[in-house]
Amino acid sequence: MQGTKAAIKETGREMPHILVVDDEKSICELLEITFRKEGHRVEIAHSVEAAKRKLESQIFDIIISDIRMPGAGGVDLLKFSKEIAPGSFFLLITGVPTVETAIAAINSGADRYVIKDHELVDQLRRAVHEVSESLRWKKEAGYLRRELRRLTGLDNIIGQSPNMKAIFDMIQTVAPQSSRVLITGESGTGKELVARAIHENSLRSQAPFITINCGAFPETLLESELFGYMKGAFTGANENRQGLFQAAHGGTLFMDEIGNMSLTMQVKLYRVLQEGKVRPIGSTEESDVDVRIIAATNKEFEKEIAEGRFREDLYYRLSVIPIQVPALRDRRVDIPLLARHFLERFRKTMEKPIEGISPEAMTRMEAYDWPGNVRELENTMERAVALELGKEISLRVLPDRIAGYSRSSLGATGSLVAELPDEGLDFEKEIADAERRYLQAALAKADGVRTRASELLKISYRSFRHYAKKHGL
């Protein structure tokens, strides 16, 4: 046994994480001792409901479950696991083997069916060993394939909610086309991931995918970035420079925050989209460009058009295929999936032995409204993994705005109902904490652009700078 542990330590391989589910405590204890001795991390549950709670907060490579238990049975757990953890290997065991239960197990997607007899432990050890080897080979042989999928962005778009499944279907439908796409949604929802997925699954995938944040450049600089310039066109133009339209020729140009583009630049962009030609600043010659445009914005274009801040003709040029990415609060069912995804990523990069998320912490995260959307959840999980000292993410390491958040604490008007402790509180500290939370939320929602953050808070940019300096942001 020591040799086995030494081999595990020597190879540096992480052994599969196992969940054992059986109402017989003796079976659970026997299997837990057996597989822990072989280096596995093992969790046990004595009911399907208990197992479901563990699956919602932890990631398991292998699930071993009895078929017949009081209440819900192993087949019910199998169906649940296929929804929430489809990558887990599922072994069903039974002490009353029948043709009917075997057929039900196979039809429900069980990977293995094992009979409870005197060879149970040996059979399960062989099965777990085979699964362990299979997982190792998949990890090694499939590295390039996973890396390719990572680059396409598909693996980074996590979700099983109906509106996210609709987006996956839309990506597959529109990717082979060359039509322009307009992606709308709040900041932090993953608009660029959708754009990258469309590109990488299109016929243009071997050509460049170039991004530009239109809100990060003043008008004159944005024009030179998009169209390029000739030497001597303006002060500082010491050489000819290719614009992003030309650099993206044959590929895709992703124009983020296009709603922040000035009306003058909108006219110039409309002309390029209409004629398919660009003319660098300072040049008298035009050149053809073949570029698929995918634009994105967090603004409501109907309002922008009505108030004269965005050209209606340009909107129709861009919005050939519109895609609306939902806010995280509108797909709460995906919060546990995303949280576990980020937990798995950060615990590996930080080499932390964190196995899951406590039910209390998960409940608060599911209740929170996430104004910064997926980006805020990602940052929260990175912080939590960095600070957590135990085996699971606890309330203690969540930010106060989340750990202390409860949707039921909202009054009928939606305002927070203040609760004053019997011993009182430090009023100035509470106000300062609230200021900091709102500043952080506004910055997250505005992608770090401070002028936009000040607009969200309905304060002047000068006041925003004052508060940001006060709180060290």
Protein backbone atom coordinates (compact mmCIF):
# COMPACT_ATOMS: atom_id res chain seq x y z
CA MET A 1 0.00 0.00 0.00
CA GLN A 2 2.90 2.33 0.75
CA GLY A 3 4.23 1.57 -2.71
CA THR A 4 0.92 2.65 -4.20
CA LYS A 5 0.98 5.94 -2.32
CA ALA A 6 4.59 6.49 -3.31
CA ALA A 7 3.73 5.89 -6.94
CA ILE A 8 0.88 8.37 -6.74
CA LYS A 9 3.13 10.96 -5.16
CA GLU A 10 5.89 10.28 -7.68
CA THR A 11 3.69 10.72 -10.75
CA GLY A 12 2.10 13.83 -9.28
CA ARG A 13 -1.27 12.68 -10.58
CA GLU A 14 -4.38 13.74 -8.76
CA MET A 15 -6.48 10.66 -8.06
CA PRO A 16 -10.17 10.76 -9.04
CA HIS A 17 -12.60 12.20 -6.51
CA ILE A 18 -15.23 9.57 -5.53
CA LEU A 19 -18.75 9.90 -4.11
CA VAL A 20 -20.23 6.75 -2.50
CA VAL A 21 -24.01 6.69 -1.99
CA ASP A 22 -25.66 3.85 -0.04
CA ASP A 23 -28.16 3.68 2.82
CA GLU A 24 -26.09 0.84 4.34
CA LYS A 25 -23.46 2.58 6.49
CA SER A 26 -21.26 -0.52 6.53
CA ILE A 27 -20.96 -0.48 2.72
CA CYS A 28 -20.12 3.23 2.73
CA GLU A 29 -17.45 2.79 5.39
CA LEU A 30 -15.93 -0.23 3.65
CA LEU A 31 -15.65 1.56 0.30
CA GLU A 32 -14.43 4.78 1.90
CA ILE A 33 -11.58 2.96 3.69
CA THR A 34 -10.70 0.95 0.56
CA PHE A 35 -10.42 3.88 -1.81
CA ARG A 36 -8.84 6.31 0.67
CA LYS A 37 -6.02 3.78 1.17
CA GLU A 38 -5.44 3.92 -2.60
CA GLY A 39 -5.08 7.69 -2.52
CA HIS A 40 -8.56 8.79 -3.57
CA ARG A 41 -10.55 11.59 -2.03
CA VAL A 42 -13.82 10.00 -0.93
CA GLU A 43 -17.14 11.48 0.19
CA ILE A 44 -20.11 9.42 1.42
CA ALA A 45 -23.87 10.03 1.47
CA HIS A 46 -26.60 7.83 2.92
CA SER A 47 -29.46 9.16 0.77
CA VAL A 48 -30.08 10.55 -2.68
CA GLU A 49 -30.99 13.97 -1.26
CA ALA A 50 -27.69 14.16 0.64
CA ALA A 51 -25.83 13.10 -2.51
CA LYS A 52 -27.56 15.79 -4.57
CA ARG A 53 -26.42 18.45 -2.10
CA LYS A 54 -22.83 17.25 -2.45
CA LEU A 55 -23.07 17.21 -6.26
CA GLU A 56 -24.31 20.80 -6.21
CA SER A 57 -21.28 22.00 -4.28
CA GLN A 58 -18.42 19.68 -5.30
CA ILE A 59 -16.92 18.10 -8.40
CA PHE A 60 -16.71 14.29 -8.49
CA ASP A 61 -14.98 12.14 -11.10
CA ILE A 62 -16.71 8.91 -10.07
CA ILE A 63 -20.09 8.28 -8.41
CA ILE A 64 -20.86 4.86 -6.89
CA SER A 65 -24.50 4.49 -5.90
CA ASP A 66 -26.84 1.75 -4.72
CA ILE A 67 -29.96 1.39 -6.86
CA ARG A 68 -32.48 0.70 -4.10
CA MET A 69 -32.65 3.11 -1.18
CA PRO A 70 -35.50 4.53 0.92
CA GLY A 71 -37.20 7.31 -1.03
CA ALA A 72 -35.46 8.25 -4.28
CA GLY A 73 -33.15 5.59 -5.72
CA GLY A 74 -29.91 5.34 -7.62
CA VAL A 75 -31.51 5.75 -11.05
CA ASP A 76 -32.99 9.08 -9.90
CA LEU A 77 -29.55 10.20 -8.76
CA LEU A 78 -28.07 9.03 -12.07
CA LYS A 79 -30.51 11.22 -14.03
CA PHE A 80 -29.73 14.18 -11.75
CA SER A 81 -25.97 13.72 -12.15
CA LYS A 82 -26.26 13.60 -15.94
CA GLU A 83 -27.80 17.08 -15.80
CA ILE A 84 -25.52 18.75 -13.28
CA ALA A 85 -22.27 16.76 -13.74
CA PRO A 86 -22.41 15.00 -17.13
CA GLY A 87 -18.67 14.32 -17.06
CA SER A 88 -18.83 12.11 -13.96
CA PHE A 89 -18.45 8.32 -14.34
CA PHE A 90 -21.47 6.61 -12.73
CA LEU A 91 -21.44 3.06 -11.28
CA LEU A 92 -24.67 1.53 -10.03
CA ILE A 93 -24.57 -1.32 -7.48
CA THR A 94 -27.41 -3.55 -6.29
CA GLY A 95 -27.98 -6.43 -3.92
CA VAL A 96 -31.13 -7.53 -5.77
CA PRO A 97 -30.10 -7.95 -9.41
CA THR A 98 -32.95 -8.19 -11.90
CA VAL A 99 -33.21 -7.78 -15.64
CA GLU A 100 -35.52 -4.80 -15.14
CA THR A 101 -33.06 -2.87 -12.93
CA ALA A 102 -30.19 -3.63 -15.29
CA ILE A 103 -32.15 -2.33 -18.28
CA ALA A 104 -33.23 0.77 -16.35
CA ALA A 105 -29.61 1.47 -15.35
CA ILE A 106 -28.29 1.14 -18.90
CA ASN A 107 -31.12 3.15 -20.43
CA SER A 108 -30.54 5.94 -17.90
CA GLY A 109 -26.88 6.20 -18.88
CA ALA A 110 -25.04 4.22 -16.19
CA ASP A 111 -21.41 3.54 -17.13
CA ARG A 112 -21.18 0.30 -15.13
CA TYR A 113 -23.56 -2.05 -13.30
CA VAL A 114 -22.09 -4.05 -10.37
CA ILE A 115 -23.77 -6.72 -8.21
CA LYS A 116 -23.36 -6.67 -4.41
CA ASP A 117 -21.72 -9.98 -3.55
CA HIS A 118 -18.48 -11.23 -2.02
CA GLU A 119 -16.56 -9.78 -5.01
CA LEU A 120 -18.07 -6.30 -4.74
CA VAL A 121 -14.93 -4.55 -3.50
CA ASP A 122 -12.68 -6.26 -6.08
CA GLN A 123 -15.10 -5.44 -8.89
CA LEU A 124 -15.33 -1.80 -7.85
CA ARG A 125 -11.56 -1.51 -7.43
CA ARG A 126 -11.06 -2.83 -10.98
CA ALA A 127 -13.73 -0.50 -12.31
CA VAL A 128 -12.29 2.55 -10.52
CA HIS A 129 -8.79 1.64 -11.71
CA GLU A 130 -10.02 1.42 -15.30
CA VAL A 131 -11.79 4.75 -14.98
CA SER A 132 -8.67 6.33 -13.45
CA GLU A 133 -6.55 5.12 -16.37
CA SER A 134 -9.18 6.26 -18.85
CA LEU A 135 -9.27 9.73 -17.29
CA ARG A 136 -5.46 9.90 -17.37
CA TRP A 137 -5.28 8.95 -21.04
CA LYS A 138 -8.07 11.34 -21.95
CA LYS A 139 -6.23 14.10 -20.14
CA GLU A 140 -2.97 13.42 -21.96
CA ALA A 141 -4.27 12.44 -25.41
CA GLY A 142 -6.96 15.12 -25.44
CA TYR A 143 -4.80 18.08 -24.45
CA LEU A 144 -4.65 19.65 -27.91
CA ARG A 145 -8.36 19.09 -28.48
CA ARG A 146 -9.27 20.77 -25.19
CA GLU A 147 -6.86 23.60 -25.91
CA LEU A 148 -8.51 24.17 -29.27
CA ARG A 149 -11.96 24.22 -27.66
CA ARG A 150 -10.65 26.63 -25.03
CA LEU A 151 -9.49 28.96 -27.76
CA THR A 152 -12.89 28.83 -29.43
CA GLY A 153 -14.46 30.14 -26.26
CA LEU A 154 -17.06 27.35 -26.16
CA ASP A 155 -15.65 25.83 -22.96
CA ASN A 156 -15.78 29.24 -21.31
CA ILE A 157 -19.47 29.76 -22.00
CA ILE A 158 -20.96 27.84 -19.11
CA GLY A 159 -24.70 27.32 -18.79
CA GLN A 160 -27.59 24.89 -18.88
CA SER A 161 -30.45 27.37 -18.56
CA PRO A 162 -32.90 27.54 -21.47
CA ASN A 163 -31.77 31.01 -22.57
CA MET A 164 -28.10 29.93 -22.65
CA LYS A 165 -28.97 26.77 -24.61
CA ALA A 166 -30.71 29.05 -27.11
CA ILE A 167 -27.49 31.06 -27.44
CA PHE A 168 -25.45 27.89 -28.04
CA ASP A 169 -27.88 26.92 -30.80
CA MET A 170 -27.68 30.42 -32.28
CA ILE A 171 -23.87 30.29 -32.32
CA GLN A 172 -23.92 27.01 -34.24
CA THR A 173 -26.48 28.43 -36.68
CA VAL A 174 -24.87 31.79 -37.47
CA ALA A 175 -21.18 30.82 -37.28
CA PRO A 176 -20.96 29.42 -40.86
CA GLN A 177 -22.50 32.61 -42.29
CA SER A 178 -20.79 35.94 -42.98
CA SER A 179 -23.68 38.08 -41.75
CA ARG A 180 -22.95 40.80 -39.22
CA VAL A 181 -23.90 40.09 -35.61
CA LEU A 182 -24.87 42.54 -32.87
CA ILE A 183 -24.44 41.16 -29.35
CA THR A 184 -26.21 43.05 -26.58
CA GLY A 185 -26.16 42.57 -22.82
CA GLU A 186 -24.90 44.05 -19.59
CA SER A 187 -21.20 44.38 -18.84
CA GLY A 188 -19.58 41.15 -17.67
CA THR A 189 -22.09 38.79 -19.30
CA GLY A 190 -19.56 37.30 -21.74
CA LYS A 191 -20.28 39.09 -25.02
CA GLU A 192 -16.71 38.73 -26.26
CA LEU A 193 -16.77 34.98 -25.54
CA VAL A 194 -19.86 34.67 -27.74
CA ALA A 195 -18.15 36.66 -30.50
CA ARG A 196 -15.00 34.53 -30.31
CA ALA A 197 -17.05 31.32 -30.39
CA ILE A 198 -18.83 32.51 -33.54
CA HIS A 199 -15.50 33.28 -35.21
CA GLU A 200 -13.74 30.07 -34.24
CA ASN A 201 -16.64 27.95 -35.49
CA SER A 202 -16.86 29.80 -38.80
CA LEU A 203 -15.11 29.38 -42.14
CA ARG A 204 -12.94 32.35 -41.12
CA SER A 205 -11.48 30.56 -38.09
CA GLN A 206 -7.98 30.36 -39.61
CA ALA A 207 -7.94 34.13 -40.23
CA PRO A 208 -7.43 36.82 -37.56
CA PHE A 209 -9.92 37.60 -34.80
CA ILE A 210 -9.19 41.19 -33.78
CA THR A 211 -10.89 43.09 -30.97
CA ILE A 212 -11.23 46.78 -30.21
CA ASN A 213 -13.04 48.58 -27.41
CA CYS A 214 -14.61 51.57 -29.14
CA GLY A 215 -15.27 53.26 -25.81
CA ALA A 216 -11.60 53.30 -24.85
CA PHE A 217 -10.44 55.64 -27.65
CA PRO A 218 -11.15 59.30 -28.39
CA GLU A 219 -12.61 59.94 -31.85
CA THR A 220 -9.39 60.84 -33.70
CA LEU A 221 -7.42 57.94 -32.25
CA LEU A 222 -10.25 55.47 -32.96
CA GLU A 223 -10.27 56.53 -36.62
CA SER A 224 -6.53 55.91 -36.97
CA GLU A 225 -6.84 52.56 -35.17
CA LEU A 226 -9.62 51.33 -37.44
CA PHE A 227 -8.52 52.71 -40.81
CA GLY A 228 -4.76 53.23 -40.39
CA TYR A 229 -2.76 56.23 -41.53
CA MET A 230 0.04 57.33 -43.81
CA LYS A 231 3.36 58.83 -42.76
CA GLY A 232 2.99 62.56 -42.14
CA ALA A 233 -0.83 62.45 -41.95
CA PHE A 234 -0.67 64.14 -38.54
CA THR A 235 1.83 65.04 -35.85
CA GLY A 236 3.45 61.84 -34.61
CA ALA A 237 2.63 59.80 -37.74
CA ASN A 238 6.23 58.81 -38.41
CA GLU A 239 5.43 55.75 -40.51
CA ASN A 240 2.66 54.13 -42.50
CA ARG A 241 0.43 52.06 -40.28
CA GLN A 242 -2.15 49.45 -41.18
CA GLY A 243 -5.60 49.81 -39.61
CA LEU A 244 -7.54 47.06 -37.87
CA PHE A 245 -9.89 46.60 -40.83
CA GLN A 246 -6.92 45.71 -43.01
CA ALA A 247 -5.30 43.61 -40.28
CA ALA A 248 -8.52 41.60 -39.93
CA HIS A 249 -8.88 41.03 -43.71
CA GLY A 250 -10.44 37.60 -44.28
CA GLY A 251 -11.30 37.27 -40.60
CA THR A 252 -13.45 38.91 -37.94
CA LEU A 253 -13.33 42.34 -36.30
CA PHE A 254 -15.04 42.45 -32.91
CA MET A 255 -16.09 46.02 -32.07
CA ASP A 256 -16.96 46.14 -28.37
CA GLU A 257 -18.88 49.04 -26.79
CA ILE A 258 -19.83 50.32 -30.23
CA GLY A 259 -22.61 52.34 -28.63
CA ASN A 260 -19.96 54.76 -27.33
CA MET A 261 -18.80 55.67 -30.85
CA SER A 262 -19.26 59.33 -31.85
CA LEU A 263 -21.75 60.28 -34.59
CA THR A 264 -18.89 61.40 -36.85
CA MET A 265 -17.21 58.00 -36.57
CA GLN A 266 -20.55 56.30 -37.10
CA VAL A 267 -20.84 57.98 -40.50
CA LYS A 268 -17.36 56.78 -41.49
CA LEU A 269 -18.03 53.24 -40.26
CA TYR A 270 -21.33 53.13 -42.16
CA ARG A 271 -19.52 54.01 -45.37
CA VAL A 272 -16.99 51.20 -44.87
CA LEU A 273 -19.75 48.67 -44.21
CA GLN A 274 -21.68 49.84 -47.24
CA GLU A 275 -18.79 49.87 -49.74
CA GLY A 276 -16.36 47.33 -48.26
CA LYS A 277 -13.45 49.75 -48.70
CA VAL A 278 -11.20 51.68 -46.29
CA ARG A 279 -9.00 54.71 -46.85
CA PRO A 280 -6.19 55.32 -44.35
CA ILE A 281 -5.89 58.83 -42.92
CA GLY A 282 -3.73 60.93 -45.24
CA SER A 283 -4.19 58.61 -48.23
CA THR A 284 -6.08 59.21 -51.48
CA GLU A 285 -6.40 55.52 -52.29
CA GLU A 286 -8.94 53.03 -51.01
CA SER A 287 -8.39 49.31 -50.50
CA ASP A 288 -10.92 46.49 -50.44
CA VAL A 289 -11.47 44.68 -47.15
CA ASP A 290 -13.28 41.41 -46.48
CA VAL A 291 -14.11 41.50 -42.78
CA ARG A 292 -16.97 40.06 -40.77
CA ILE A 293 -18.14 42.59 -38.18
CA ILE A 294 -19.38 41.44 -34.79
CA ALA A 295 -20.36 44.38 -32.62
CA ALA A 296 -21.37 44.50 -28.97
CA THR A 297 -22.90 47.01 -26.61
CA ASN A 298 -24.45 47.30 -23.17
CA LYS A 299 -26.66 50.19 -24.27
CA GLU A 300 -30.30 50.12 -25.34
CA PHE A 301 -30.08 51.08 -29.00
CA GLU A 302 -33.77 51.96 -29.33
CA LYS A 303 -33.26 54.65 -26.68
CA GLU A 304 -29.93 55.77 -28.17
CA ILE A 305 -31.53 56.13 -31.62
CA ALA A 306 -34.58 57.98 -30.27
CA GLU A 307 -32.34 60.46 -28.44
CA GLY A 308 -30.12 61.01 -31.48
CA ARG A 309 -26.94 59.41 -30.13
CA PHE A 310 -26.82 56.51 -32.61
CA ARG A 311 -27.60 56.42 -36.31
CA GLU A 312 -30.56 54.24 -37.21
CA ASP A 313 -29.11 53.28 -40.61
CA LEU A 314 -25.88 52.05 -38.97
CA TYR A 315 -27.90 50.07 -36.41
CA TYR A 316 -29.66 48.16 -39.18
CA ARG A 317 -26.33 47.52 -40.91
CA LEU A 318 -24.89 46.03 -37.73
CA SER A 319 -27.93 44.19 -36.39
CA VAL A 320 -28.44 41.67 -39.15
CA ILE A 321 -28.37 38.91 -36.51
CA PRO A 322 -29.05 40.17 -32.97
CA ILE A 323 -28.03 38.09 -29.94
CA GLN A 324 -29.06 39.08 -26.43
CA VAL A 325 -26.81 37.67 -23.66
CA PRO A 326 -28.82 37.41 -20.43
CA ALA A 327 -27.71 38.88 -17.12
CA LEU A 328 -26.57 36.34 -14.54
CA ARG A 329 -29.52 37.18 -12.26
CA ASP A 330 -31.81 36.05 -15.11
CA ARG A 331 -30.21 32.59 -15.22
CA ARG A 332 -29.63 31.80 -11.55
CA VAL A 333 -29.71 28.08 -12.31
CA ASP A 334 -26.26 28.54 -13.90
CA ILE A 335 -24.66 30.13 -10.81
CA PRO A 336 -23.66 26.78 -9.19
CA LEU A 337 -22.21 25.55 -12.51
CA LEU A 338 -20.18 28.72 -12.99
CA ALA A 339 -19.05 28.79 -9.36
CA ARG A 340 -17.78 25.20 -9.55
CA HIS A 341 -16.11 25.93 -12.89
CA PHE A 342 -14.18 28.88 -11.43
CA LEU A 343 -13.44 26.93 -8.23
CA GLU A 344 -11.88 24.12 -10.25
CA ARG A 345 -9.77 26.54 -12.27
CA PHE A 346 -8.46 28.61 -9.37
CA ARG A 347 -7.87 25.72 -6.94
CA LYS A 348 -5.62 24.13 -9.57
CA THR A 349 -3.68 27.29 -10.41
CA MET A 350 -3.26 28.15 -6.70
CA GLU A 351 -2.69 24.48 -5.73
CA LYS A 352 -5.28 24.69 -2.92
CA PRO A 353 -6.93 21.47 -1.56
CA ILE A 354 -10.43 22.97 -1.70
CA GLU A 355 -13.03 20.34 -2.57
CA GLY A 356 -16.26 22.31 -2.79
CA ILE A 357 -18.52 25.16 -1.70
CA SER A 358 -20.47 25.11 1.54
CA PRO A 359 -24.27 25.05 1.21
CA GLU A 360 -24.50 28.36 3.09
CA ALA A 361 -22.07 30.08 0.73
CA MET A 362 -23.81 28.65 -2.34
CA THR A 363 -27.20 29.79 -1.05
CA ARG A 364 -25.97 33.37 -0.66
CA MET A 365 -24.35 33.36 -4.10
CA GLU A 366 -27.55 32.09 -5.70
CA ALA A 367 -29.55 34.82 -3.94
CA TYR A 368 -27.18 37.68 -4.85
CA ASP A 369 -28.09 39.73 -7.94
CA TRP A 370 -24.54 39.97 -9.41
CA PRO A 371 -24.58 43.48 -10.94
CA GLY A 372 -21.16 42.71 -12.44
CA ASN A 373 -22.51 39.42 -13.85
CA VAL A 374 -20.17 36.50 -14.67
CA ARG A 375 -17.06 38.68 -14.39
CA GLU A 376 -18.00 39.60 -10.82
CA LEU A 377 -18.63 35.94 -9.96
CA GLU A 378 -15.25 34.97 -11.43
CA ASN A 379 -13.45 37.63 -9.38
CA THR A 380 -15.38 36.59 -6.27
CA MET A 381 -14.37 32.94 -6.66
CA GLU A 382 -10.72 33.85 -7.25
CA ARG A 383 -10.74 35.92 -4.05
CA ALA A 384 -12.52 33.15 -2.13
CA VAL A 385 -10.06 30.45 -3.22
CA ALA A 386 -7.11 32.68 -2.33
CA LEU A 387 -8.45 33.37 1.17
CA GLU A 388 -9.99 29.99 2.06
CA LEU A 389 -7.99 27.87 4.50
CA GLY A 390 -10.44 24.98 4.83
CA LYS A 391 -11.69 22.21 2.56
CA GLU A 392 -14.64 24.17 1.15
CA ILE A 393 -15.51 27.76 0.32
CA SER A 394 -17.22 29.25 3.38
CA LEU A 395 -19.25 32.40 4.02
CA ARG A 396 -16.22 33.85 5.79
CA VAL A 397 -14.26 34.37 2.56
CA LEU A 398 -17.11 35.86 0.52
CA PRO A 399 -17.28 39.67 0.22
CA ASP A 400 -19.61 41.33 2.72
CA ARG A 401 -21.98 42.45 -0.04
CA ILE A 402 -22.60 38.77 -0.89
CA ALA A 403 -22.21 37.04 2.48
CA GLY A 404 -24.69 39.44 4.05
CA TYR A 405 -27.06 39.53 1.08
CA SER A 406 -30.58 38.14 1.29
CA ARG A 407 -33.25 38.74 -1.33
CA SER A 408 -35.87 38.30 1.39
CA SER A 409 -34.40 41.33 3.18
CA LEU A 410 -35.72 43.58 0.41
CA GLY A 411 -38.87 45.51 1.26
CA ALA A 412 -41.88 45.85 -1.03
CA THR A 413 -40.31 48.87 -2.71
CA GLY A 414 -37.03 47.02 -3.20
CA SER A 415 -35.06 49.12 -0.71
CA LEU A 416 -32.95 47.44 1.95
CA VAL A 417 -34.56 47.08 5.37
CA ALA A 418 -31.97 48.18 7.91
CA GLU A 419 -31.38 45.91 10.90
CA LEU A 420 -29.78 47.55 13.92
CA PRO A 421 -27.95 45.21 16.35
CA ASP A 422 -28.82 45.51 20.03
CA GLU A 423 -25.30 46.70 20.78
CA GLY A 424 -25.45 49.36 18.06
CA LEU A 425 -22.96 49.83 15.21
CA ASP A 426 -20.27 52.13 13.85
CA PHE A 427 -22.41 54.32 11.59
CA GLU A 428 -19.53 55.99 9.73
CA LYS A 429 -17.85 52.65 9.06
CA GLU A 430 -21.12 51.18 7.73
CA ILE A 431 -21.59 54.15 5.39
CA ALA A 432 -17.97 53.93 4.22
CA ASP A 433 -18.37 50.20 3.52
CA ALA A 434 -21.54 50.88 1.54
CA GLU A 435 -19.78 53.58 -0.50
CA ARG A 436 -16.95 51.22 -1.33
CA ARG A 437 -19.32 48.41 -2.36
CA TYR A 438 -21.24 50.69 -4.72
CA LEU A 439 -18.03 52.07 -6.22
CA GLN A 440 -16.75 48.53 -6.85
CA ALA A 441 -20.08 47.41 -8.33
CA ALA A 442 -20.19 50.43 -10.65
CA LEU A 443 -16.61 49.83 -11.81
CA ALA A 444 -17.38 46.15 -12.46
CA LYS A 445 -20.51 47.04 -14.44
CA ALA A 446 -18.61 49.71 -16.41
CA ASP A 447 -15.66 47.43 -17.26
CA GLY A 448 -13.35 49.70 -15.27
CA VAL A 449 -14.21 52.84 -17.31
CA ARG A 450 -14.51 55.47 -14.58
CA THR A 451 -16.50 58.04 -16.53
CA ARG A 452 -19.19 55.43 -17.17
CA ALA A 453 -19.04 54.29 -13.52
CA SER A 454 -19.72 57.87 -12.39
CA GLU A 455 -22.72 58.04 -14.73
CA LEU A 456 -24.11 54.79 -13.26
CA LEU A 457 -23.85 56.29 -9.76
CA LYS A 458 -25.41 59.58 -10.92
CA ILE A 459 -22.46 61.62 -9.63
CA SER A 460 -19.93 63.85 -11.38
CA TYR A 461 -16.63 62.40 -12.53
CA ARG A 462 -14.88 64.76 -10.10
CA SER A 463 -16.93 63.34 -7.20
CA PHE A 464 -16.23 59.81 -8.38
CA ARG A 465 -12.47 60.50 -8.35
CA HIS A 466 -12.79 61.88 -4.83
CA TYR A 467 -14.59 58.76 -3.53
CA ALA A 468 -12.31 56.40 -5.44
CA LYS A 469 -9.22 58.05 -3.93
CA LYS A 470 -10.86 57.99 -0.48
CA HIS A 471 -11.37 54.21 -0.70
CA GLY A 472 -8.10 53.41 -2.49
CA LEU A 473 -9.73 52.23 -5.72
